[in-house]
Amino acid sequence: MIWLKKIKKRYLFAVIIAAIGLILTACTYFATDIYSKNDVAVITDTKIKDTLEEKSTDVYGNKDETRKQILHLKVLSGKFKGHTYKTTNMYYPSQLVTQKFRAGQRVLVNVKHGEPVIQDPKRDWVLVLALTVMSTLMVAVAGKKSFNLIASMILSWAIFYLVIMLDIKLNGSYIVLLFGLADIVFSFFSLLIVQGFNRKMLATWFATILGTFVSFALCYLIMRLTGESEIKYETGDYATQDPRGIFLAQTLLGILGAVMDEATDIISSLYELIQTKADLTAKQLIKSGRTMGQEIMGPLINVLVLIFMSEELPMTIIYLRDNNSLRSTFGFTLSLGVTQSIISAIGIVLTVVFATGCSLLFLEEKKRKAGIEE
């Protein structure tokens, strides 16, 4: 009955968080006076007049349209509050660089010389709603630990923001060193908040640091020995700083995400195995760690590859539809991501060794305590 009460308490907290989140979502949706640079307006049309202006076909046979919407807006904030305007919106159905608006939708506008200019749809309430769903599910699944997870996420965002601001101030001069130190701080505080300060947390942190920096150092050595040939840094979306430095910093963060997840799973599982099996030997522990690593490595590497592929899918399609060769498309859209995925995969493999090795410390400690008691 005690566990049933705990479950009910967990779901009660989830319902409370969902209710609070929905209230905040509604407040954010109807908020109008919290923006300093833009005014909020609402599209008052019940049915928007949408007409075809032009059809176009390029040399490759790609077809598109130019369409025009006639919109009636009512300003809800700022010095033009209560004013109504009529404006037009030109868009392409693909909506790659243009936006199609809906009846009743709220938008951010700037009114200049009596003409409203629509900046963006008002999307902040969508973010609040997404955070509400995430928090509700976390509390329903993880219970009290979810608050530690949320605190860890908030702290990570704060650290990331500070690191970015410091990087901008230094103009990218020490970007690799900066993000290398950020990896250490990220991993330490994330594990500290979630697991608390104990031997298991320190072992997980140590395995994470080893997996991250050994794999990065190994791959950096290979890159230097091969002269970094065929690595097209210029294809990255880096306009303001050294593209090579940003690529390496990006790689450090990518390795950390995969390695910390794996190290936590392996060490937590092996720690429980050590505590429950009294006659466990070092050989059995190593075999268990290797078996667990074999089960985890495949899905983790596949997740990394799929995330990367989904991110680059739009640009890959555009390059291939414009009759670029597969080699050119790979070089300009996929090469950097594939390199990062391979480096992260090496980190995932090495972490199996480091996490299992760190778990041996628990076994030695247990044997030492047993010897003292005898």
Protein backbone atom coordinates (compact mmCIF):
# COMPACT_ATOMS: atom_id res chain seq x y z
CA MET A 1 0.00 0.00 0.00
CA ILE A 2 2.95 2.33 0.65
CA TRP A 3 4.15 2.05 -2.96
CA LEU A 4 0.60 2.69 -4.16
CA LYS A 5 0.47 5.90 -2.14
CA LYS A 6 3.81 6.99 -3.61
CA ILE A 7 2.50 6.38 -7.11
CA LYS A 8 -0.64 8.36 -6.40
CA LYS A 9 1.44 11.19 -4.94
CA ARG A 10 3.64 11.23 -8.04
CA TYR A 11 0.65 11.48 -10.37
CA LEU A 12 -0.92 14.13 -8.14
CA PHE A 13 2.21 16.28 -8.54
CA ALA A 14 2.12 15.65 -12.29
CA VAL A 15 -1.49 16.85 -12.48
CA ILE A 16 -0.65 19.95 -10.43
CA ILE A 17 2.30 20.78 -12.69
CA ALA A 18 0.14 20.23 -15.77
CA ALA A 19 -2.52 22.59 -14.41
CA ILE A 20 0.02 25.28 -13.53
CA GLY A 21 1.68 24.87 -16.93
CA LEU A 22 -1.60 25.22 -18.80
CA ILE A 23 -2.41 28.38 -16.84
CA LEU A 24 1.03 29.80 -17.69
CA THR A 25 0.52 28.79 -21.34
CA ALA A 26 -2.79 30.67 -21.45
CA CYS A 27 -1.23 33.70 -19.74
CA THR A 28 1.64 33.69 -22.24
CA TYR A 29 -0.75 33.34 -25.18
CA PHE A 30 -2.83 36.36 -24.10
CA ALA A 31 0.17 38.42 -22.90
CA THR A 32 0.62 41.54 -25.00
CA ASP A 33 2.64 44.12 -23.06
CA ILE A 34 5.77 42.09 -22.32
CA TYR A 35 7.60 42.86 -25.57
CA SER A 36 9.86 45.88 -25.87
CA LYS A 37 10.73 45.78 -29.58
CA ASN A 38 7.46 44.61 -31.14
CA ASP A 39 3.73 45.05 -30.72
CA VAL A 40 1.27 42.18 -30.64
CA ALA A 41 -1.54 42.04 -33.17
CA VAL A 42 -4.24 39.51 -34.00
CA ILE A 43 -5.52 38.55 -37.44
CA THR A 44 -9.22 39.37 -37.25
CA ASP A 45 -10.25 37.60 -40.46
CA THR A 46 -12.47 34.54 -40.10
CA LYS A 47 -11.48 33.50 -43.61
CA ILE A 48 -8.33 34.86 -45.24
CA LYS A 49 -8.44 35.76 -48.92
CA ASP A 50 -5.63 33.75 -50.51
CA THR A 51 -4.93 34.18 -54.25
CA LEU A 52 -2.40 32.74 -56.67
CA GLU A 53 -0.06 35.40 -58.06
CA GLU A 54 2.46 33.43 -60.07
CA LYS A 55 3.58 29.91 -60.95
CA SER A 56 7.25 29.21 -61.59
CA THR A 57 9.38 26.30 -62.80
CA ASP A 58 13.18 26.30 -62.69
CA VAL A 59 15.62 24.66 -65.11
CA TYR A 60 15.53 21.42 -63.11
CA GLY A 61 11.76 21.10 -63.28
CA ASN A 62 11.14 22.18 -59.67
CA LYS A 63 7.74 23.91 -59.39
CA ASP A 64 6.61 26.53 -56.93
CA GLU A 65 3.97 29.21 -56.53
CA THR A 66 3.79 32.76 -55.26
CA ARG A 67 0.58 33.40 -53.31
CA LYS A 68 -0.87 36.55 -51.72
CA GLN A 69 -2.87 36.82 -48.50
CA ILE A 70 -4.94 39.87 -47.59
CA LEU A 71 -4.87 40.25 -43.81
CA HIS A 72 -6.78 42.48 -41.39
CA LEU A 73 -4.90 43.16 -38.18
CA LYS A 74 -5.90 44.61 -34.83
CA VAL A 75 -3.01 45.85 -32.67
CA LEU A 76 -3.27 44.70 -29.04
CA SER A 77 -0.33 46.53 -27.45
CA GLY A 78 1.90 49.59 -27.71
CA LYS A 79 1.01 53.11 -28.74
CA PHE A 80 -1.05 51.84 -31.68
CA LYS A 81 -3.22 49.65 -29.45
CA GLY A 82 -6.75 49.33 -30.79
CA HIS A 83 -5.83 50.43 -34.30
CA THR A 84 -6.82 48.21 -37.23
CA TYR A 85 -4.86 47.79 -40.43
CA LYS A 86 -5.07 46.01 -43.75
CA THR A 87 -1.90 44.45 -45.12
CA THR A 88 -0.75 41.82 -47.60
CA ASN A 89 1.50 38.82 -47.14
CA MET A 90 3.35 37.15 -50.00
CA TYR A 91 4.42 33.57 -49.42
CA TYR A 92 5.50 30.38 -51.12
CA PRO A 93 3.60 27.16 -50.24
CA SER A 94 6.94 25.51 -49.44
CA GLN A 95 7.30 28.10 -46.61
CA LEU A 96 11.09 27.77 -46.65
CA VAL A 97 11.76 31.48 -46.21
CA THR A 98 8.19 32.83 -46.03
CA GLN A 99 5.26 32.29 -43.69
CA LYS A 100 1.61 31.48 -44.28
CA PHE A 101 -0.71 32.97 -41.65
CA ARG A 102 -3.99 31.62 -40.28
CA ALA A 103 -7.23 33.28 -39.24
CA GLY A 104 -7.19 34.35 -35.59
CA GLN A 105 -3.43 33.92 -35.30
CA ARG A 106 -1.43 36.30 -33.09
CA VAL A 107 1.63 37.92 -34.63
CA LEU A 108 4.44 40.31 -33.69
CA VAL A 109 4.38 43.52 -35.74
CA ASN A 110 6.16 46.83 -36.17
CA VAL A 111 4.05 49.79 -37.24
CA LYS A 112 6.03 52.31 -39.29
CA HIS A 113 4.54 55.25 -41.16
CA GLY A 114 1.05 53.86 -40.65
CA GLU A 115 1.90 50.48 -42.18
CA PRO A 116 2.23 47.29 -40.11
CA VAL A 117 5.15 44.98 -40.85
CA ILE A 118 4.66 41.44 -39.60
CA GLN A 119 7.85 40.14 -37.99
CA ASP A 120 6.96 36.64 -36.80
CA PRO A 121 4.07 34.58 -35.47
CA LYS A 122 3.71 34.77 -31.68
CA ARG A 123 5.18 31.39 -30.69
CA ASP A 124 6.29 31.88 -27.08
CA TRP A 125 3.20 30.13 -25.72
CA VAL A 126 4.11 27.02 -27.77
CA LEU A 127 7.44 26.86 -25.94
CA VAL A 128 5.69 27.14 -22.55
CA LEU A 129 3.27 24.38 -23.57
CA ALA A 130 6.15 22.12 -24.66
CA LEU A 131 7.93 22.71 -21.33
CA THR A 132 4.69 21.89 -19.52
CA VAL A 133 4.31 18.57 -21.32
CA MET A 134 7.97 17.70 -20.69
CA SER A 135 7.81 18.57 -16.97
CA THR A 136 4.54 16.67 -16.50
CA LEU A 137 5.89 13.52 -18.12
CA MET A 138 9.14 13.73 -16.17
CA VAL A 139 7.33 14.01 -12.83
CA ALA A 140 4.92 11.20 -13.76
CA VAL A 141 7.80 8.87 -14.69
CA ALA A 142 10.66 9.88 -12.37
CA GLY A 143 8.85 11.31 -9.36
CA LYS A 144 10.99 13.44 -7.04
CA LYS A 145 14.11 12.85 -9.13
CA SER A 146 12.52 14.84 -11.94
CA PHE A 147 13.08 18.06 -9.97
CA ASN A 148 16.81 17.28 -9.89
CA LEU A 149 16.73 16.62 -13.62
CA ILE A 150 14.99 19.93 -14.31
CA ALA A 151 17.45 21.77 -12.03
CA SER A 152 20.33 20.10 -13.89
CA MET A 153 18.92 21.22 -17.26
CA ILE A 154 18.46 24.80 -16.07
CA LEU A 155 22.01 24.90 -14.70
CA SER A 156 23.39 23.46 -17.94
CA TRP A 157 21.62 26.15 -19.97
CA ALA A 158 23.00 28.84 -17.63
CA ILE A 159 26.55 27.50 -17.93
CA PHE A 160 26.19 27.20 -21.70
CA TYR A 161 25.02 30.82 -21.93
CA LEU A 162 27.96 32.03 -19.82
CA VAL A 163 30.42 30.05 -21.94
CA ILE A 164 28.97 31.51 -25.16
CA MET A 165 29.17 35.05 -23.76
CA LEU A 166 32.77 34.49 -22.68
CA ASP A 167 33.63 33.06 -26.09
CA ILE A 168 32.14 36.13 -27.80
CA LYS A 169 34.10 38.41 -25.46
CA LEU A 170 37.34 36.55 -26.27
CA ASN A 171 36.40 36.56 -29.99
CA GLY A 172 36.95 32.80 -30.25
CA SER A 173 40.64 33.00 -29.27
CA TYR A 174 40.54 30.05 -26.85
CA ILE A 175 37.37 28.31 -27.97
CA VAL A 176 38.66 24.70 -27.75
CA LEU A 177 40.15 25.25 -24.29
CA LEU A 178 37.02 27.07 -23.18
CA PHE A 179 34.64 24.32 -24.25
CA GLY A 180 36.99 21.65 -22.93
CA LEU A 181 36.71 23.24 -19.48
CA ALA A 182 32.97 23.63 -20.04
CA ASP A 183 32.71 19.86 -20.63
CA ILE A 184 34.30 19.24 -17.23
CA VAL A 185 31.96 21.69 -15.49
CA PHE A 186 28.88 20.47 -17.40
CA SER A 187 29.44 16.85 -16.51
CA PHE A 188 30.38 17.47 -12.88
CA PHE A 189 27.38 19.59 -11.94
CA SER A 190 24.91 17.54 -14.00
CA LEU A 191 25.95 14.34 -12.23
CA LEU A 192 26.20 16.08 -8.86
CA ILE A 193 22.62 17.36 -8.98
CA VAL A 194 21.13 14.11 -10.29
CA GLN A 195 23.16 11.55 -8.30
CA GLY A 196 24.48 13.51 -5.34
CA PHE A 197 28.11 13.61 -4.17
CA ASN A 198 29.19 10.00 -3.68
CA ARG A 199 31.61 7.41 -5.03
CA LYS A 200 29.27 6.34 -7.82
CA MET A 201 28.93 9.94 -9.01
CA LEU A 202 32.72 10.46 -8.95
CA ALA A 203 33.32 7.21 -10.83
CA THR A 204 30.75 8.18 -13.48
CA TRP A 205 32.30 11.62 -13.82
CA PHE A 206 35.81 10.20 -14.10
CA ALA A 207 34.71 7.70 -16.78
CA THR A 208 32.90 10.49 -18.66
CA ILE A 209 35.96 12.74 -18.65
CA LEU A 210 38.24 9.91 -19.79
CA GLY A 211 35.86 8.84 -22.56
CA THR A 212 35.42 12.41 -23.80
CA PHE A 213 38.99 13.63 -23.83
CA VAL A 214 40.78 10.39 -24.79
CA SER A 215 38.53 9.92 -27.84
CA PHE A 216 38.88 13.60 -28.76
CA ALA A 217 42.68 13.48 -28.38
CA LEU A 218 42.90 10.27 -30.44
CA CYS A 219 40.81 11.69 -33.28
CA TYR A 220 42.63 15.04 -33.18
CA LEU A 221 45.93 13.15 -33.49
CA ILE A 222 44.59 11.27 -36.54
CA MET A 223 43.37 14.54 -38.07
CA ARG A 224 46.80 16.13 -37.61
CA LEU A 225 48.64 13.09 -39.03
CA THR A 226 46.42 13.11 -42.12
CA GLY A 227 46.73 16.87 -42.54
CA GLU A 228 42.97 17.28 -41.94
CA SER A 229 42.44 16.56 -45.61
CA GLU A 230 38.89 16.38 -46.97
CA ILE A 231 37.51 18.10 -43.85
CA LYS A 232 35.70 21.08 -45.35
CA TYR A 233 35.37 23.49 -42.44
CA GLU A 234 34.13 26.18 -44.81
CA THR A 235 30.89 24.26 -45.39
CA GLY A 236 29.76 24.83 -41.83
CA ASP A 237 27.43 27.69 -40.96
CA TYR A 238 30.18 29.65 -39.23
CA ALA A 239 30.35 33.28 -40.25
CA THR A 240 31.87 35.20 -37.34
CA GLN A 241 34.67 33.03 -35.94
CA ASP A 242 37.28 30.44 -36.88
CA PRO A 243 35.27 27.54 -38.41
CA ARG A 244 37.86 24.96 -37.40
CA GLY A 245 37.74 26.00 -33.74
CA ILE A 246 33.94 25.96 -33.67
CA PHE A 247 33.92 22.50 -35.28
CA LEU A 248 36.26 21.15 -32.59
CA ALA A 249 34.20 22.77 -29.82
CA GLN A 250 31.04 21.32 -31.35
CA THR A 251 32.70 17.91 -31.38
CA LEU A 252 33.63 18.15 -27.70
CA LEU A 253 30.03 18.86 -26.71
CA GLY A 254 28.73 16.07 -28.96
CA ILE A 255 31.08 13.49 -27.44
CA LEU A 256 30.14 14.54 -23.91
CA GLY A 257 26.42 14.01 -24.50
CA ALA A 258 26.85 10.46 -25.75
CA VAL A 259 29.60 9.43 -23.32
CA MET A 260 27.93 10.70 -20.15
CA ASP A 261 24.72 8.86 -20.98
CA GLU A 262 26.56 5.58 -21.53
CA ALA A 263 28.86 5.94 -18.50
CA THR A 264 25.87 6.60 -16.22
CA ASP A 265 24.01 3.51 -17.49
CA ILE A 266 26.97 1.14 -17.21
CA ILE A 267 28.29 2.28 -13.83
CA SER A 268 24.83 2.44 -12.22
CA SER A 269 24.04 -1.10 -13.42
CA LEU A 270 27.40 -2.55 -12.39
CA TYR A 271 27.17 -0.80 -9.01
CA GLU A 272 23.84 -2.50 -8.32
CA LEU A 273 25.32 -5.82 -9.46
CA ILE A 274 28.22 -5.45 -7.03
CA GLN A 275 25.86 -4.65 -4.16
CA THR A 276 23.54 -7.59 -4.78
CA LYS A 277 25.96 -10.39 -5.74
CA ALA A 278 28.22 -11.26 -2.84
CA ASP A 279 30.64 -13.61 -4.65
CA LEU A 280 31.19 -11.44 -7.75
CA THR A 281 34.75 -11.57 -9.11
CA ALA A 282 36.66 -8.97 -11.09
CA LYS A 283 36.58 -11.20 -14.17
CA GLN A 284 32.79 -11.55 -13.96
CA LEU A 285 32.41 -7.80 -13.50
CA ILE A 286 34.53 -7.05 -16.56
CA LYS A 287 32.53 -9.58 -18.60
CA SER A 288 29.25 -8.01 -17.42
CA GLY A 289 30.51 -4.53 -18.31
CA ARG A 290 31.59 -5.69 -21.77
CA THR A 291 28.25 -7.41 -22.40
CA MET A 292 26.35 -4.33 -21.26
CA GLY A 293 28.50 -2.12 -23.46
CA GLN A 294 27.82 -4.32 -26.47
CA GLU A 295 24.08 -3.91 -25.87
CA ILE A 296 24.29 -0.12 -25.44
CA MET A 297 26.84 0.82 -28.12
CA GLY A 298 24.72 -0.03 -31.14
CA PRO A 299 21.58 1.95 -30.20
CA LEU A 300 23.61 4.96 -29.00
CA ILE A 301 25.66 5.17 -32.20
CA ASN A 302 22.53 4.73 -34.31
CA VAL A 303 20.80 7.52 -32.37
CA LEU A 304 23.72 9.86 -33.08
CA VAL A 305 23.69 9.01 -36.79
CA LEU A 306 19.91 9.40 -37.09
CA ILE A 307 19.92 12.76 -35.28
CA PHE A 308 22.64 14.00 -37.61
CA MET A 309 20.88 12.68 -40.73
CA SER A 310 17.57 14.27 -39.76
CA GLU A 311 19.30 17.61 -39.18
CA GLU A 312 20.97 17.62 -42.60
CA LEU A 313 18.10 16.05 -44.57
CA PRO A 314 16.63 19.33 -45.97
CA MET A 315 19.96 20.57 -47.33
CA THR A 316 20.81 17.14 -48.74
CA ILE A 317 17.52 17.05 -50.66
CA ILE A 318 18.09 20.57 -52.00
CA TYR A 319 21.62 19.72 -53.24
CA LEU A 320 20.50 16.48 -54.88
CA ARG A 321 17.45 18.10 -56.52
CA ASP A 322 19.76 20.74 -57.99
CA ASN A 323 21.59 17.95 -59.85
CA ASN A 324 24.68 17.96 -57.64
CA SER A 325 26.60 14.70 -57.56
CA LEU A 326 26.46 12.48 -54.49
CA ARG A 327 30.12 13.28 -53.80
CA SER A 328 29.53 17.04 -53.89
CA THR A 329 26.40 16.72 -51.76
CA PHE A 330 28.27 14.65 -49.19
CA GLY A 331 31.14 17.14 -49.07
CA PHE A 332 28.96 20.19 -48.59
CA THR A 333 26.23 18.84 -46.31
CA LEU A 334 27.30 15.61 -44.62
CA SER A 335 31.09 15.48 -44.24
CA LEU A 336 31.40 17.47 -40.98
CA GLY A 337 28.49 15.68 -39.35
CA VAL A 338 29.80 12.25 -40.32
CA THR A 339 33.20 13.15 -38.86
CA GLN A 340 31.60 14.22 -35.59
CA SER A 341 29.47 11.06 -35.48
CA ILE A 342 32.55 8.86 -35.97
CA ILE A 343 34.44 10.67 -33.21
CA SER A 344 31.47 10.31 -30.86
CA ALA A 345 31.19 6.62 -31.78
CA ILE A 346 34.85 6.10 -30.83
CA GLY A 347 34.10 7.80 -27.51
CA ILE A 348 31.14 5.47 -26.95
CA VAL A 349 33.32 2.39 -27.53
CA LEU A 350 36.13 3.62 -25.27
CA THR A 351 33.70 4.53 -22.50
CA VAL A 352 32.76 0.86 -22.09
CA VAL A 353 36.36 0.20 -21.03
CA PHE A 354 36.62 3.25 -18.79
CA ALA A 355 33.24 2.76 -17.11
CA THR A 356 33.95 -0.92 -16.41
CA GLY A 357 37.40 -0.03 -15.08
CA CYS A 358 35.97 2.59 -12.74
CA SER A 359 33.40 0.05 -11.51
CA LEU A 360 36.24 -2.21 -10.36
CA LEU A 361 36.90 0.37 -7.65
CA PHE A 362 33.52 -0.45 -6.10
CA LEU A 363 34.39 -4.15 -6.08
CA GLU A 364 37.76 -3.53 -4.43
CA GLU A 365 36.13 -1.29 -1.84
CA LYS A 366 33.52 -3.97 -1.05
CA LYS A 367 36.24 -6.61 -0.63
CA ARG A 368 38.26 -4.30 1.59
CA LYS A 369 35.26 -3.63 3.82
CA ALA A 370 34.47 -7.35 3.98
CA GLY A 371 38.07 -8.06 5.04
CA ILE A 372 37.91 -5.44 7.76
CA GLU A 373 34.64 -6.85 9.13
CA GLU A 374 36.13 -10.37 9.23
